[in-house]
Amino acid sequence: MLPSARQIRAARGLLGISQAEMAKLAGVSRSALVRLESESGTSTDRTRMRLGETLESRGIQFLGETAEALEGVILMKSKTKISRRES
C-alpha cells in the first residue's frame, strides 16, 4: 500500500521528524516531499514508496487501503508489547 500525503504528514508528525530530515532519511528531495505533503503538485509512486518504507522502519503502521476505508497511521513503540497483547 502506498501511503497518502495525509498519512505521510501525520506519520512524520508522530515521529517528530522535520521535512528536511525526512527527505534525507528517505533519499528524496525536500521539494518532492513538500509538494507531496501539500498536495500541490504531482508525486511519483517511487517517492511515496520510499517515504512509506522509511516511516515503517521507524515503527509507523499505515491503516486503510481504499478511499472508502479508514485512513490513518499508528506508531508501534515496541514489538514486545504487541506480542504480549496478542498472547
N, C-alpha and C. Protein backbone atom coordinates (compact mmCIF):
# COMPACT_ATOMS: atom_id res chain seq x y z
N MET A 1 0.84 -1.19 0.00
CA MET A 1 0.00 0.00 0.00
C MET A 1 0.88 1.24 0.00
N LEU A 2 0.56 2.17 -0.86
CA LEU A 2 1.26 3.44 -0.88
C LEU A 2 0.55 4.41 0.06
N PRO A 3 1.26 5.01 0.98
CA PRO A 3 0.62 5.95 1.91
C PRO A 3 0.18 7.22 1.19
N SER A 4 -0.87 7.83 1.70
CA SER A 4 -1.35 9.09 1.15
C SER A 4 -0.49 10.24 1.68
N ALA A 5 -0.66 11.41 1.09
CA ALA A 5 0.05 12.60 1.56
C ALA A 5 -0.30 12.89 3.02
N ARG A 6 -1.59 12.74 3.36
CA ARG A 6 -2.02 12.99 4.75
C ARG A 6 -1.38 12.02 5.71
N GLN A 7 -1.27 10.75 5.31
CA GLN A 7 -0.65 9.75 6.17
C GLN A 7 0.84 10.05 6.37
N ILE A 8 1.51 10.44 5.33
CA ILE A 8 2.94 10.76 5.44
C ILE A 8 3.13 11.95 6.37
N ARG A 9 2.32 12.99 6.21
CA ARG A 9 2.39 14.17 7.08
C ARG A 9 2.15 13.79 8.54
N ALA A 10 1.10 12.99 8.76
CA ALA A 10 0.75 12.58 10.13
C ALA A 10 1.84 11.72 10.75
N ALA A 11 2.37 10.78 9.98
CA ALA A 11 3.41 9.88 10.48
C ALA A 11 4.67 10.66 10.85
N ARG A 12 5.04 11.60 10.00
CA ARG A 12 6.21 12.42 10.26
C ARG A 12 6.00 13.21 11.54
N GLY A 13 4.78 13.72 11.73
CA GLY A 13 4.45 14.46 12.95
C GLY A 13 4.54 13.59 14.20
N LEU A 14 4.03 12.35 14.10
CA LEU A 14 4.11 11.43 15.25
C LEU A 14 5.56 11.17 15.66
N LEU A 15 6.42 11.10 14.67
CA LEU A 15 7.83 10.81 14.94
C LEU A 15 8.64 12.06 15.27
N GLY A 16 8.07 13.24 15.05
CA GLY A 16 8.78 14.48 15.32
C GLY A 16 9.95 14.71 14.36
N ILE A 17 9.76 14.33 13.11
CA ILE A 17 10.81 14.46 12.11
C ILE A 17 10.50 15.65 11.20
N SER A 18 11.47 16.53 11.00
CA SER A 18 11.28 17.67 10.11
C SER A 18 11.22 17.21 8.65
N GLN A 19 10.74 18.07 7.79
CA GLN A 19 10.70 17.74 6.36
C GLN A 19 12.11 17.50 5.83
N ALA A 20 13.06 18.34 6.24
CA ALA A 20 14.43 18.18 5.75
C ALA A 20 15.01 16.84 6.19
N GLU A 21 14.79 16.48 7.45
CA GLU A 21 15.31 15.21 7.96
C GLU A 21 14.63 14.03 7.28
N MET A 22 13.31 14.12 7.09
CA MET A 22 12.56 13.03 6.44
C MET A 22 13.07 12.81 5.02
N ALA A 23 13.24 13.90 4.29
CA ALA A 23 13.72 13.80 2.92
C ALA A 23 15.09 13.13 2.87
N LYS A 24 15.96 13.53 3.77
CA LYS A 24 17.31 12.95 3.81
C LYS A 24 17.26 11.46 4.15
N LEU A 25 16.47 11.10 5.15
CA LEU A 25 16.36 9.69 5.56
C LEU A 25 15.82 8.81 4.43
N ALA A 26 14.87 9.34 3.67
CA ALA A 26 14.23 8.56 2.61
C ALA A 26 14.96 8.65 1.28
N GLY A 27 15.92 9.56 1.19
CA GLY A 27 16.66 9.71 -0.06
C GLY A 27 15.84 10.36 -1.16
N VAL A 28 14.98 11.31 -0.77
CA VAL A 28 14.21 12.07 -1.75
C VAL A 28 14.51 13.55 -1.53
N SER A 29 14.18 14.36 -2.50
CA SER A 29 14.43 15.79 -2.34
C SER A 29 13.40 16.40 -1.40
N ARG A 30 13.82 17.45 -0.70
CA ARG A 30 12.88 18.12 0.20
C ARG A 30 11.74 18.73 -0.60
N SER A 31 12.04 19.24 -1.79
CA SER A 31 10.98 19.84 -2.61
C SER A 31 9.94 18.79 -3.02
N ALA A 32 10.38 17.56 -3.28
CA ALA A 32 9.42 16.49 -3.61
C ALA A 32 8.52 16.20 -2.42
N LEU A 33 9.09 16.19 -1.22
CA LEU A 33 8.30 15.94 0.00
C LEU A 33 7.32 17.07 0.24
N VAL A 34 7.77 18.31 0.07
CA VAL A 34 6.89 19.47 0.26
C VAL A 34 5.72 19.41 -0.72
N ARG A 35 6.00 19.12 -1.98
CA ARG A 35 4.93 19.02 -2.99
C ARG A 35 3.94 17.93 -2.62
N LEU A 36 4.46 16.78 -2.20
CA LEU A 36 3.59 15.66 -1.86
C LEU A 36 2.72 16.00 -0.66
N GLU A 37 3.32 16.51 0.42
CA GLU A 37 2.56 16.79 1.64
C GLU A 37 1.54 17.91 1.45
N SER A 38 1.85 18.86 0.60
CA SER A 38 0.92 19.98 0.38
C SER A 38 -0.14 19.63 -0.67
N GLU A 39 0.06 18.49 -1.33
CA GLU A 39 -0.84 18.03 -2.37
C GLU A 39 -1.01 19.09 -3.46
N SER A 40 0.06 19.86 -3.68
CA SER A 40 0.01 20.96 -4.65
C SER A 40 0.65 20.61 -5.98
N GLY A 41 1.23 19.45 -6.07
CA GLY A 41 1.87 19.06 -7.31
C GLY A 41 1.79 17.55 -7.46
N THR A 42 2.50 17.06 -8.43
CA THR A 42 2.50 15.62 -8.65
C THR A 42 3.62 14.97 -7.84
N SER A 43 3.40 13.73 -7.49
CA SER A 43 4.44 12.95 -6.82
C SER A 43 4.44 11.57 -7.44
N THR A 44 5.60 10.95 -7.45
CA THR A 44 5.70 9.63 -8.05
C THR A 44 5.40 8.55 -7.01
N ASP A 45 4.97 7.40 -7.51
CA ASP A 45 4.77 6.26 -6.61
C ASP A 45 6.08 5.90 -5.93
N ARG A 46 7.19 6.05 -6.63
CA ARG A 46 8.51 5.73 -6.07
C ARG A 46 8.80 6.61 -4.84
N THR A 47 8.48 7.90 -4.93
CA THR A 47 8.69 8.81 -3.80
C THR A 47 7.83 8.39 -2.62
N ARG A 48 6.55 8.12 -2.87
CA ARG A 48 5.64 7.70 -1.80
C ARG A 48 6.10 6.38 -1.19
N MET A 49 6.59 5.47 -2.03
CA MET A 49 7.07 4.18 -1.53
C MET A 49 8.30 4.36 -0.64
N ARG A 50 9.24 5.18 -1.06
CA ARG A 50 10.45 5.39 -0.26
C ARG A 50 10.12 6.05 1.07
N LEU A 51 9.25 7.03 1.05
CA LEU A 51 8.84 7.69 2.29
C LEU A 51 8.12 6.70 3.20
N GLY A 52 7.19 5.94 2.63
CA GLY A 52 6.45 4.95 3.42
C GLY A 52 7.35 3.91 4.05
N GLU A 53 8.29 3.38 3.28
CA GLU A 53 9.22 2.37 3.82
C GLU A 53 10.08 2.95 4.93
N THR A 54 10.52 4.18 4.76
CA THR A 54 11.33 4.83 5.78
C THR A 54 10.54 5.01 7.07
N LEU A 55 9.31 5.45 6.94
CA LEU A 55 8.46 5.64 8.13
C LEU A 55 8.13 4.30 8.79
N GLU A 56 7.84 3.28 7.99
CA GLU A 56 7.55 1.95 8.55
C GLU A 56 8.76 1.39 9.30
N SER A 57 9.95 1.67 8.83
CA SER A 57 11.15 1.18 9.51
C SER A 57 11.34 1.84 10.87
N ARG A 58 10.62 2.93 11.10
CA ARG A 58 10.69 3.64 12.38
C ARG A 58 9.46 3.40 13.25
N GLY A 59 8.66 2.38 12.89
CA GLY A 59 7.55 1.98 13.74
C GLY A 59 6.18 2.44 13.31
N ILE A 60 6.09 3.11 12.18
CA ILE A 60 4.78 3.58 11.70
C ILE A 60 4.06 2.44 10.99
N GLN A 61 2.77 2.35 11.23
CA GLN A 61 1.93 1.41 10.51
C GLN A 61 0.83 2.21 9.85
N PHE A 62 0.64 2.04 8.54
CA PHE A 62 -0.38 2.75 7.79
C PHE A 62 -1.67 1.94 7.81
N LEU A 63 -2.80 2.62 8.00
CA LEU A 63 -4.10 1.98 8.06
C LEU A 63 -4.93 2.38 6.86
N GLY A 64 -5.70 1.45 6.32
CA GLY A 64 -6.62 1.74 5.23
C GLY A 64 -5.97 1.60 3.87
N GLU A 65 -6.71 1.03 2.94
CA GLU A 65 -6.16 0.82 1.62
C GLU A 65 -7.01 1.43 0.51
N THR A 66 -8.20 1.89 0.81
CA THR A 66 -9.05 2.48 -0.21
C THR A 66 -9.62 3.79 0.31
N ALA A 67 -10.15 4.57 -0.60
CA ALA A 67 -10.74 5.85 -0.21
C ALA A 67 -11.92 5.65 0.74
N GLU A 68 -12.60 4.51 0.64
CA GLU A 68 -13.76 4.26 1.50
C GLU A 68 -13.36 3.73 2.88
N ALA A 69 -12.15 3.21 3.00
CA ALA A 69 -11.72 2.59 4.26
C ALA A 69 -11.18 3.65 5.22
N LEU A 70 -11.07 3.24 6.45
CA LEU A 70 -10.43 4.06 7.46
C LEU A 70 -9.02 4.39 7.00
N GLU A 71 -8.64 5.65 7.11
CA GLU A 71 -7.29 6.06 6.73
C GLU A 71 -6.63 6.65 7.96
N GLY A 72 -5.40 6.20 8.24
CA GLY A 72 -4.70 6.74 9.39
C GLY A 72 -3.32 6.13 9.54
N VAL A 73 -2.69 6.47 10.65
CA VAL A 73 -1.38 5.92 10.98
C VAL A 73 -1.33 5.65 12.47
N ILE A 74 -0.54 4.67 12.84
CA ILE A 74 -0.27 4.42 14.25
C ILE A 74 1.23 4.22 14.41
N LEU A 75 1.73 4.53 15.59
CA LEU A 75 3.14 4.36 15.91
C LEU A 75 3.27 3.17 16.84
N MET A 76 3.95 2.14 16.38
CA MET A 76 4.19 0.96 17.19
C MET A 76 5.47 1.21 17.97
N LYS A 77 5.36 1.31 19.28
CA LYS A 77 6.53 1.63 20.09
C LYS A 77 7.44 0.44 20.32
N SER A 78 6.86 -0.76 20.45
CA SER A 78 7.68 -1.92 20.74
C SER A 78 6.99 -3.19 20.26
N LYS A 79 7.72 -4.00 19.53
CA LYS A 79 7.15 -5.27 19.07
C LYS A 79 6.90 -6.20 20.26
N THR A 80 7.66 -6.04 21.33
CA THR A 80 7.45 -6.86 22.53
C THR A 80 6.06 -6.61 23.10
N LYS A 81 5.65 -5.33 23.15
CA LYS A 81 4.32 -5.00 23.67
C LYS A 81 3.23 -5.63 22.81
N ILE A 82 3.42 -5.64 21.51
CA ILE A 82 2.44 -6.23 20.61
C ILE A 82 2.31 -7.72 20.90
N SER A 83 3.44 -8.41 21.03
CA SER A 83 3.42 -9.84 21.28
C SER A 83 2.70 -10.17 22.58
N ARG A 84 2.94 -9.39 23.63
CA ARG A 84 2.29 -9.66 24.91
C ARG A 84 0.79 -9.44 24.82
N ARG A 85 0.36 -8.43 24.10
CA ARG A 85 -1.07 -8.16 23.96
C ARG A 85 -1.76 -9.25 23.18
N GLU A 86 -1.09 -9.79 22.18
CA GLU A 86 -1.71 -10.80 21.33
C GLU A 86 -1.79 -12.15 22.03
N SER A 87 -0.96 -12.42 23.02
CA SER A 87 -0.99 -13.74 23.66
C SER A 87 -2.08 -13.86 24.68
